[in-house]
Amino acid sequence: MVDNRYATALVIGSVLSLLACVYLSVAMGTPYWYQYHSQPASNDFNNGSDLQRAVQDFDAEDVDEYNYSLALFKLNGTLGLWWRCIVMPDSTMATICQAFTLAQQWETRFSSPGNVNSEEDLLRTYLWKCQFLLPLISVGLVFLAALIGVFACLCRSITPTLFVGLLHLLAGLCSLATVCCFLAGVHLLHKESDLPEGMVSSPGWSLFLALVSSPLQIMAAALFIWAARSHRKNYTRMIAYRVA
């Protein structure tokens, strides 16, 4: 039997875990981790042909980091973990989004963005790879924890809940590390790029959604670990009392 206090902690922890997983999943699939607000396109480009060329380069699957970054800076773009978007510089103001291919996620970053003849930037390269892998690891840990929790319920044992809590703790740290890697990578990109005059950049709501998921996972971990350890202590005392 499980005490009502522990059952309540497990239910609350499960709800927090579900919310954190939903928040992180939505954040991963949306392109609003970072957003750029630039001057009107007519002020930044010489003529319509430059505008068209920028849009075409941005929409190409083999576009390099320099070209899509330039379009993001000058065309009110938004950047995510898997997506990048720009606003069309015409009367429609339509939004064009392009997914990062797997090759682009793993490609080498250079000290001069897009210039393969420049020195390899290992820090930015590994930051980009980490921001791609860590959220997947975080979601995977949550699903693994849920699977262990199901087996624990079937076995009517609260002992595996300790491992569930540890997995949620690792998932929360991975979510937090994802946000840190992304912000560090964007900062380094801005530092090494020639930013347009008058451009304003800021974190988007997707980033804050991922940031919220981290403390939710850590709180769920704390509840699971507390329930497992407290139940184990009480069970040990009860056994000792009965033996005595």
Protein backbone atom coordinates (compact mmCIF):
# COMPACT_ATOMS: atom_id res chain seq x y z
CA MET A 1 0.00 0.00 0.00
CA VAL A 2 1.11 3.56 -0.74
CA ASP A 3 0.41 6.36 1.70
CA ASN A 4 -1.87 9.14 0.44
CA ARG A 5 0.96 11.66 0.73
CA TYR A 6 3.18 9.65 -1.58
CA ALA A 7 0.33 8.97 -4.00
CA THR A 8 -0.38 12.70 -4.17
CA ALA A 9 3.31 13.45 -4.80
CA LEU A 10 3.39 10.88 -7.59
CA VAL A 11 0.29 12.32 -9.25
CA ILE A 12 1.58 15.90 -9.06
CA GLY A 13 4.99 14.78 -10.33
CA SER A 14 3.38 12.98 -13.25
CA VAL A 15 1.36 16.08 -14.20
CA LEU A 16 4.46 18.27 -14.03
CA SER A 17 6.37 15.76 -16.14
CA LEU A 18 3.62 15.71 -18.77
CA LEU A 19 3.49 19.51 -18.93
CA ALA A 20 7.28 19.74 -19.23
CA CYS A 21 7.33 17.18 -22.05
CA VAL A 22 4.56 19.00 -23.93
CA TYR A 23 6.27 22.39 -23.49
CA LEU A 24 9.63 21.08 -24.69
CA SER A 25 8.08 19.25 -27.66
CA VAL A 26 6.24 22.40 -28.77
CA ALA A 27 9.40 24.46 -28.35
CA MET A 28 11.43 22.04 -30.47
CA GLY A 29 8.92 22.13 -33.31
CA THR A 30 8.51 25.91 -33.51
CA PRO A 31 10.94 28.46 -35.04
CA TYR A 32 10.63 31.22 -32.44
CA TRP A 33 13.66 30.63 -30.27
CA TYR A 34 15.20 33.87 -31.53
CA GLN A 35 13.68 36.68 -33.57
CA TYR A 36 15.05 39.62 -35.55
CA HIS A 37 13.42 42.96 -36.31
CA SER A 38 15.18 44.90 -39.04
CA GLN A 39 14.74 48.11 -40.96
CA PRO A 40 12.41 48.02 -44.00
CA ALA A 41 13.92 45.80 -46.67
CA SER A 42 13.99 48.64 -49.18
CA ASN A 43 16.47 50.45 -46.95
CA ASP A 44 18.76 47.45 -46.56
CA PHE A 45 18.98 46.18 -50.14
CA ASN A 46 19.87 48.04 -53.31
CA ASN A 47 17.05 46.81 -55.52
CA GLY A 48 14.46 44.11 -56.11
CA SER A 49 16.95 41.66 -57.58
CA ASP A 50 18.91 41.59 -54.31
CA LEU A 51 15.69 40.90 -52.44
CA GLN A 52 14.83 38.03 -54.76
CA ARG A 53 18.33 36.62 -54.53
CA ALA A 54 18.23 36.70 -50.71
CA VAL A 55 14.90 34.85 -50.66
CA GLN A 56 16.12 32.27 -53.17
CA ASP A 57 19.34 31.67 -51.24
CA PHE A 58 17.41 31.32 -48.00
CA ASP A 59 14.99 28.79 -49.51
CA ALA A 60 17.73 26.61 -51.02
CA GLU A 61 18.43 23.30 -49.28
CA ASP A 62 22.21 23.67 -49.69
CA VAL A 63 22.35 27.26 -48.42
CA ASP A 64 25.33 28.04 -46.23
CA GLU A 65 25.27 29.68 -42.81
CA TYR A 66 26.24 33.11 -44.13
CA ASN A 67 23.39 33.38 -46.64
CA TYR A 68 20.57 32.23 -44.42
CA SER A 69 21.89 34.32 -41.52
CA LEU A 70 21.98 37.40 -43.75
CA ALA A 71 18.36 36.79 -44.75
CA LEU A 72 17.36 36.32 -41.11
CA PHE A 73 19.03 39.59 -40.13
CA LYS A 74 17.54 41.65 -42.95
CA LEU A 75 14.10 40.13 -43.46
CA ASN A 76 12.64 39.96 -39.94
CA GLY A 77 13.60 36.34 -39.52
CA THR A 78 13.03 33.88 -36.72
CA LEU A 79 15.36 31.04 -35.77
CA GLY A 80 14.59 27.74 -34.06
CA LEU A 81 16.30 24.44 -33.38
CA TRP A 82 14.97 22.81 -36.55
CA TRP A 83 13.46 25.73 -38.49
CA ARG A 84 14.32 29.17 -39.83
CA CYS A 85 11.79 31.66 -41.19
CA ILE A 86 11.75 35.04 -42.94
CA VAL A 87 9.03 37.51 -43.90
CA MET A 88 8.60 38.16 -47.63
CA PRO A 89 9.54 41.77 -48.50
CA ASP A 90 6.41 42.45 -50.54
CA SER A 91 2.80 43.43 -50.04
CA THR A 92 1.77 39.91 -48.97
CA MET A 93 4.17 39.85 -45.99
CA ALA A 94 4.00 36.06 -46.15
CA THR A 95 6.28 33.98 -43.95
CA ILE A 96 8.62 31.47 -45.57
CA CYS A 97 10.04 28.70 -43.39
CA GLN A 98 12.75 26.19 -44.21
CA ALA A 99 13.76 23.21 -42.08
CA PHE A 100 17.39 22.53 -41.30
CA THR A 101 18.47 19.29 -42.96
CA LEU A 102 20.31 16.66 -40.95
CA ALA A 103 23.49 17.54 -42.86
CA GLN A 104 23.10 21.21 -41.85
CA GLN A 105 22.61 20.21 -38.22
CA TRP A 106 25.95 18.38 -38.27
CA GLU A 107 27.95 20.61 -40.59
CA THR A 108 31.10 22.31 -39.39
CA ARG A 109 30.91 25.95 -38.34
CA PHE A 110 33.70 28.35 -39.32
CA SER A 111 35.17 31.44 -37.71
CA SER A 112 33.85 33.38 -40.71
CA PRO A 113 30.28 32.09 -41.17
CA GLY A 114 29.83 30.32 -44.52
CA ASN A 115 33.50 30.65 -45.52
CA VAL A 116 34.95 27.13 -45.80
CA ASN A 117 38.43 28.60 -46.25
CA SER A 118 38.40 30.14 -42.77
CA GLU A 119 39.40 28.38 -39.56
CA GLU A 120 37.01 25.80 -38.10
CA ASP A 121 35.12 27.07 -35.06
CA LEU A 122 34.93 24.00 -32.82
CA LEU A 123 33.01 25.76 -30.06
CA ARG A 124 30.14 26.84 -32.32
CA THR A 125 30.15 23.46 -34.06
CA TYR A 126 29.67 21.52 -30.85
CA LEU A 127 27.22 24.03 -29.41
CA TRP A 128 25.00 23.56 -32.48
CA LYS A 129 25.23 19.77 -32.24
CA CYS A 130 24.41 19.86 -28.53
CA GLN A 131 21.36 22.09 -29.03
CA PHE A 132 20.09 19.54 -31.56
CA LEU A 133 20.77 16.40 -29.48
CA LEU A 134 20.06 17.50 -25.91
CA PRO A 135 16.29 18.15 -26.27
CA LEU A 136 15.89 14.76 -27.98
CA ILE A 137 17.75 13.14 -25.10
CA SER A 138 15.55 15.02 -22.62
CA VAL A 139 12.32 13.81 -24.22
CA GLY A 140 13.75 10.29 -24.49
CA LEU A 141 14.59 10.25 -20.77
CA VAL A 142 11.04 11.34 -19.91
CA PHE A 143 9.55 8.55 -22.01
CA LEU A 144 11.93 6.04 -20.44
CA ALA A 145 10.90 7.29 -17.00
CA ALA A 146 7.22 6.92 -17.96
CA LEU A 147 7.86 3.34 -19.09
CA ILE A 148 9.56 2.49 -15.79
CA GLY A 149 6.65 4.12 -13.95
CA VAL A 150 4.14 1.94 -15.80
CA PHE A 151 6.05 -1.21 -14.88
CA ALA A 152 6.27 0.01 -11.28
CA CYS A 153 2.48 0.37 -11.17
CA LEU A 154 2.01 -3.10 -12.65
CA CYS A 155 4.37 -4.54 -10.04
CA ARG A 156 2.72 -2.46 -7.29
CA SER A 157 6.11 -1.19 -6.13
CA ILE A 158 7.24 2.35 -5.45
CA THR A 159 10.95 1.49 -5.39
CA PRO A 160 11.57 2.18 -9.14
CA THR A 161 10.22 5.70 -8.57
CA LEU A 162 13.69 6.69 -7.37
CA PHE A 163 15.10 5.92 -10.83
CA VAL A 164 12.17 7.77 -12.40
CA GLY A 165 13.12 10.83 -10.37
CA LEU A 166 16.77 10.61 -11.38
CA LEU A 167 15.80 10.34 -15.05
CA HIS A 168 13.60 13.44 -14.73
CA LEU A 169 16.47 15.29 -13.07
CA LEU A 170 18.76 14.45 -15.99
CA ALA A 171 16.01 15.48 -18.44
CA GLY A 172 15.63 18.84 -16.70
CA LEU A 173 19.37 19.46 -16.87
CA CYS A 174 19.39 18.55 -20.58
CA SER A 175 16.56 21.03 -21.25
CA LEU A 176 18.42 23.78 -19.41
CA ALA A 177 21.64 22.94 -21.25
CA THR A 178 19.77 23.16 -24.58
CA VAL A 179 18.75 26.75 -23.87
CA CYS A 180 22.27 27.66 -22.73
CA CYS A 181 23.89 26.12 -25.82
CA PHE A 182 21.45 27.87 -28.14
CA LEU A 183 21.96 31.30 -26.58
CA ALA A 184 25.74 30.86 -26.54
CA GLY A 185 25.74 29.80 -30.20
CA VAL A 186 23.59 32.76 -31.27
CA HIS A 187 25.80 35.16 -29.31
CA LEU A 188 28.92 33.83 -31.03
CA LEU A 189 27.23 34.02 -34.45
CA HIS A 190 26.32 37.67 -33.85
CA LYS A 191 29.85 38.37 -32.68
CA GLU A 192 31.36 36.96 -35.87
CA SER A 193 28.78 38.43 -38.29
CA ASP A 194 28.37 41.88 -39.75
CA LEU A 195 25.00 42.82 -38.27
CA PRO A 196 22.82 45.32 -40.17
CA GLU A 197 22.47 48.76 -38.66
CA GLY A 198 19.24 49.24 -36.78
CA MET A 199 18.52 45.53 -36.36
CA VAL A 200 17.02 44.45 -33.03
CA SER A 201 17.15 40.85 -31.83
CA SER A 202 15.56 39.12 -28.86
CA PRO A 203 14.72 35.64 -27.55
CA GLY A 204 11.36 34.29 -28.68
CA TRP A 205 8.54 32.51 -26.87
CA SER A 206 9.73 29.06 -27.95
CA LEU A 207 12.95 29.55 -26.00
CA PHE A 208 11.05 30.59 -22.87
CA LEU A 209 8.77 27.58 -23.28
CA ALA A 210 11.82 25.29 -23.29
CA LEU A 211 13.23 27.20 -20.33
CA VAL A 212 10.03 26.64 -18.33
CA SER A 213 10.13 22.90 -19.03
CA SER A 214 13.43 22.54 -17.16
CA PRO A 215 12.23 23.56 -13.65
CA LEU A 216 9.04 21.56 -14.18
CA GLN A 217 11.09 18.44 -14.83
CA ILE A 218 13.33 19.17 -11.84
CA MET A 219 10.30 19.68 -9.57
CA ALA A 220 8.82 16.41 -10.81
CA ALA A 221 12.16 14.73 -10.08
CA ALA A 222 12.18 16.12 -6.54
CA LEU A 223 8.67 14.78 -5.89
CA PHE A 224 9.47 11.32 -7.25
CA ILE A 225 12.73 11.05 -5.30
CA TRP A 226 11.08 12.30 -2.08
CA ALA A 227 8.21 9.83 -2.40
CA ALA A 228 10.54 6.90 -3.06
CA ARG A 229 12.98 7.68 -0.24
CA SER A 230 10.33 8.58 2.35
CA HIS A 231 8.26 5.49 1.57
CA ARG A 232 11.34 3.31 1.83
CA LYS A 233 12.26 4.76 5.25
CA ASN A 234 8.74 4.33 6.60
CA TYR A 235 8.55 0.80 5.23
CA THR A 236 11.89 -0.09 6.88
CA ARG A 237 10.71 1.35 10.22
CA MET A 238 7.46 -0.56 9.98
CA ILE A 239 9.29 -3.83 9.34
CA ALA A 240 11.66 -3.15 12.25
CA TYR A 241 8.69 -2.38 14.54
CA ARG A 242 6.91 -5.59 13.59
CA VAL A 243 10.05 -7.67 14.14
CA ALA A 244 10.60 -6.06 17.52
